């Protein structure tokens, strides 16, 4: 497992990108590496730590967050004819992660049994969805140690240019939303500490 770790994604993003390009083996129209982990420490509410300034577009980040919050499975709600989303959809339909997340359960388990504070985004009935392929993110775990919450993400695949720079912002948003709901429920403050993204494969696509 190749680990990249920092308290700011911008300090390591170019290293991650070059690692995939320089060490990747050819799979179709991409270079791919196996088993890459990205850790960002002491995140809290500081989104500057997770926004890749050389890659991510703020307007697009906002659109993605609005899409997830809508819980709709229709990409035309936000993205219209966006080529990338069309490639991952079937007839404009995708699986919206946020629609699969039970916030009440996660908050309860974060309080009472933090090892069980897990959301699984892939299941055996996935093929019943009218979509193409399988979700990139398989599961997310929140682990509380006192007032600090670590987030661990298990990913099937991650596109280093068009996936990672946006996924990490969504993950940060999701974790902070959990922390806020935890406070609303128990009147105890908890804070996002570290984010660890484990990617079984990571890709750099030659064409988009």
Protein backbone atom coordinates (compact mmCIF):
# COMPACT_ATOMS: atom_id res chain seq x y z
CA UNK A 1 0.00 0.00 0.00
CA UNK A 2 1.44 3.35 -1.08
CA UNK A 3 0.49 6.03 1.46
CA UNK A 4 0.41 9.78 0.84
CA UNK A 5 -0.15 11.77 4.03
CA UNK A 6 -0.28 15.46 4.89
CA UNK A 7 -2.45 18.02 6.66
CA UNK A 8 -3.32 19.54 3.26
CA UNK A 9 -4.18 17.78 0.00
CA UNK A 10 -2.36 20.47 -1.97
CA UNK A 11 0.95 19.43 -0.44
CA UNK A 12 0.71 15.91 -1.85
CA UNK A 13 -1.66 16.04 -4.84
CA UNK A 14 1.05 16.52 -7.47
CA UNK A 15 2.97 13.61 -5.94
CA UNK A 16 -0.11 11.39 -6.15
CA UNK A 17 -0.71 12.39 -9.77
CA UNK A 18 2.90 11.75 -10.80
CA UNK A 19 2.95 8.44 -8.94
CA UNK A 20 0.00 7.17 -10.97
CA UNK A 21 1.42 8.44 -14.27
CA UNK A 22 4.95 7.15 -13.65
CA UNK A 23 4.06 3.79 -12.11
CA UNK A 24 0.77 2.94 -13.75
CA UNK A 25 0.19 0.02 -16.08
CA UNK A 26 -2.02 0.47 -19.12
CA UNK A 27 -5.67 -0.56 -18.77
CA UNK A 28 -7.78 0.56 -21.72
CA UNK A 29 -7.59 4.35 -21.93
CA UNK A 30 -5.95 4.88 -18.55
CA UNK A 31 -2.85 4.26 -16.51
CA UNK A 32 -3.66 2.42 -13.30
CA UNK A 33 -1.90 1.65 -10.03
CA UNK A 34 -3.06 -0.62 -7.23
CA UNK A 35 -3.42 0.01 -3.50
CA UNK A 36 -3.03 3.73 -2.85
CA UNK A 37 -4.03 5.47 0.38
CA UNK A 38 -4.47 9.20 0.94
CA UNK A 39 -4.59 10.62 4.48
CA UNK A 40 -5.39 14.23 5.36
CA UNK A 41 -4.93 15.04 9.04
CA UNK A 42 -6.62 17.48 11.42
CA UNK A 43 -9.26 18.49 8.87
CA UNK A 44 -12.06 19.92 11.02
CA UNK A 45 -14.15 22.50 9.18
CA UNK A 46 -11.20 23.71 7.12
CA UNK A 47 -12.22 22.88 3.54
CA UNK A 48 -9.08 24.61 2.26
CA UNK A 49 -7.25 21.48 3.37
CA UNK A 50 -9.17 19.27 0.95
CA UNK A 51 -9.83 21.47 -2.09
CA UNK A 52 -7.24 20.77 -4.79
CA UNK A 53 -6.54 24.31 -5.97
CA UNK A 54 -4.87 23.22 -9.22
CA UNK A 55 -7.76 20.99 -10.25
CA UNK A 56 -11.09 21.45 -8.47
CA UNK A 57 -13.61 24.04 -9.65
CA UNK A 58 -15.70 25.60 -6.89
CA UNK A 59 -18.81 25.90 -9.06
CA UNK A 60 -18.68 22.21 -9.89
CA UNK A 61 -18.10 21.30 -6.23
CA UNK A 62 -21.27 23.21 -5.31
CA UNK A 63 -23.23 21.41 -8.03
CA UNK A 64 -22.07 18.01 -6.78
CA UNK A 65 -23.01 18.81 -3.20
CA UNK A 66 -26.44 20.02 -4.33
CA UNK A 67 -26.88 16.79 -6.29
CA UNK A 68 -26.01 14.62 -3.30
CA UNK A 69 -28.27 16.61 -1.00
CA UNK A 70 -31.16 16.24 -3.46
CA UNK A 71 -30.98 12.42 -3.05
CA UNK A 72 -32.25 12.15 -6.61
CA UNK A 73 -30.84 9.49 -8.94
CA UNK A 74 -31.26 11.63 -12.06
CA UNK A 75 -28.16 13.54 -13.09
CA UNK A 76 -30.16 15.98 -15.23
CA UNK A 77 -31.27 17.53 -11.94
CA UNK A 78 -27.92 19.34 -11.80
CA UNK A 79 -25.50 18.19 -14.47
CA UNK A 80 -27.52 18.18 -17.69
CA UNK A 81 -25.33 16.88 -20.48
CA UNK A 82 -22.06 16.70 -18.49
CA UNK A 83 -19.99 14.11 -20.40
CA UNK A 84 -18.33 12.51 -17.38
CA UNK A 85 -21.59 11.94 -15.51
CA UNK A 86 -23.25 10.68 -18.68
CA UNK A 87 -20.47 8.09 -19.04
CA UNK A 88 -21.22 6.77 -15.55
CA UNK A 89 -24.98 6.78 -15.98
CA UNK A 90 -27.56 4.81 -17.88
CA UNK A 91 -30.26 6.97 -19.41
CA UNK A 92 -29.25 9.74 -17.03
CA UNK A 93 -29.59 7.60 -13.89
CA UNK A 94 -26.89 7.02 -11.27
CA UNK A 95 -26.83 5.92 -7.64
CA UNK A 96 -26.80 8.90 -5.29
CA UNK A 97 -24.69 7.99 -2.24
CA UNK A 98 -26.62 10.34 0.01
CA UNK A 99 -29.86 8.47 -0.65
CA UNK A 100 -28.27 5.35 0.86
CA UNK A 101 -27.04 6.97 4.09
CA UNK A 102 -29.02 6.57 7.30
CA UNK A 103 -27.84 9.57 9.32
CA UNK A 104 -29.78 8.64 12.47
CA UNK A 105 -28.16 5.21 12.55
CA UNK A 106 -24.66 6.62 12.03
CA UNK A 107 -25.07 9.22 14.77
CA UNK A 108 -26.41 6.61 17.19
CA UNK A 109 -23.59 4.17 16.50
CA UNK A 110 -21.00 6.94 16.64
CA UNK A 111 -22.18 7.53 20.20
CA UNK A 112 -22.79 3.98 21.41
CA UNK A 113 -20.67 1.57 19.35
CA UNK A 114 -18.32 3.45 17.08
CA UNK A 115 -16.90 0.32 15.43
CA UNK A 116 -20.36 -0.22 13.95
CA UNK A 117 -20.58 3.31 12.55
CA UNK A 118 -20.34 2.13 8.95
CA UNK A 119 -22.33 2.82 5.82
CA UNK A 120 -22.07 0.27 3.01
CA UNK A 121 -22.68 1.78 -0.41
CA UNK A 122 -22.46 -1.47 -2.32
CA UNK A 123 -24.80 -4.41 -1.83
CA UNK A 124 -25.80 -7.60 -3.61
CA UNK A 125 -28.87 -5.96 -5.11
CA UNK A 126 -26.82 -3.25 -6.79
CA UNK A 127 -27.46 -4.75 -10.22
CA UNK A 128 -31.15 -4.02 -9.80
CA UNK A 129 -30.31 -0.35 -10.35
CA UNK A 130 -30.59 0.81 -13.94
CA UNK A 131 -27.01 2.09 -14.03
CA UNK A 132 -23.65 1.32 -15.62
CA UNK A 133 -20.85 -0.26 -13.61
CA UNK A 134 -20.44 -0.31 -9.85
CA UNK A 135 -20.00 2.50 -7.33
CA UNK A 136 -16.46 3.72 -6.82
CA UNK A 137 -16.98 4.10 -3.07
CA UNK A 138 -17.81 0.82 -1.35
CA UNK A 139 -18.03 1.81 2.31
CA UNK A 140 -17.40 4.64 4.76
CA UNK A 141 -16.57 4.25 8.45
CA UNK A 142 -16.61 6.90 11.19
CA UNK A 143 -14.54 6.15 14.28
CA UNK A 144 -14.86 8.38 17.36
CA UNK A 145 -12.08 8.77 19.91
CA UNK A 146 -13.34 11.20 22.54
CA UNK A 147 -14.33 14.36 20.69
CA UNK A 148 -12.40 13.48 17.53
CA UNK A 149 -13.89 11.58 14.59
CA UNK A 150 -11.76 9.77 12.02
CA UNK A 151 -13.25 8.93 8.64
CA UNK A 152 -12.11 5.88 6.65
CA UNK A 153 -13.27 5.40 3.06
CA UNK A 154 -12.93 2.16 1.11
CA UNK A 155 -12.89 2.72 -2.67
CA UNK A 156 -13.00 0.27 -5.54
CA UNK A 157 -11.47 2.84 -7.88
CA UNK A 158 -10.54 6.52 -7.93
CA UNK A 159 -9.91 8.77 -10.92
CA UNK A 160 -6.96 10.90 -9.80
CA UNK A 161 -7.93 13.90 -11.94
CA UNK A 162 -11.73 13.97 -12.09
CA UNK A 163 -12.65 11.84 -9.07
CA UNK A 164 -10.35 12.35 -6.10
CA UNK A 165 -10.35 16.19 -6.11
CA UNK A 166 -14.15 16.21 -5.83
CA UNK A 167 -14.76 13.05 -3.81
CA UNK A 168 -12.56 14.24 -0.96
CA UNK A 169 -14.62 17.43 -0.65
CA UNK A 170 -17.86 15.42 -0.51
CA UNK A 171 -16.38 13.11 2.12
CA UNK A 172 -15.36 16.12 4.22
CA UNK A 173 -18.81 17.63 3.85
CA UNK A 174 -20.44 14.33 4.83
CA UNK A 175 -18.25 13.90 7.92
CA UNK A 176 -18.94 17.42 9.13
CA UNK A 177 -22.66 16.88 8.58
CA UNK A 178 -22.44 13.79 10.80
CA UNK A 179 -20.58 15.80 13.46
CA UNK A 180 -23.26 18.50 13.35
CA UNK A 181 -26.09 15.97 13.67
CA UNK A 182 -24.22 14.35 16.56
CA UNK A 183 -24.18 17.68 18.39
CA UNK A 184 -27.84 18.32 17.59
CA UNK A 185 -28.73 14.93 19.07
CA UNK A 186 -26.49 14.71 22.14
CA UNK A 187 -25.34 18.31 22.69
CA UNK A 188 -21.76 17.07 22.66
CA UNK A 189 -19.28 18.60 20.23
CA UNK A 190 -17.22 16.29 18.05
CA UNK A 191 -14.78 17.30 15.34
CA UNK A 192 -13.55 15.73 12.12
CA UNK A 193 -9.95 14.68 12.68
CA UNK A 194 -8.35 12.57 9.94
CA UNK A 195 -9.65 11.36 6.58
CA UNK A 196 -8.15 8.16 5.19
CA UNK A 197 -9.10 7.15 1.64
CA UNK A 198 -8.06 3.62 0.69
CA UNK A 199 -8.16 3.10 -3.08
CA UNK A 200 -7.81 -0.46 -4.36
CA UNK A 201 -7.11 1.01 -7.80
CA UNK A 202 -6.37 4.56 -8.92
CA UNK A 203 -6.53 5.73 -12.55
CA UNK A 204 -5.20 8.50 -14.74
CA UNK A 205 -7.31 8.67 -17.91
CA UNK A 206 -5.66 9.68 -21.18
CA UNK A 207 -8.90 11.02 -22.66
CA UNK A 208 -11.96 12.67 -21.16
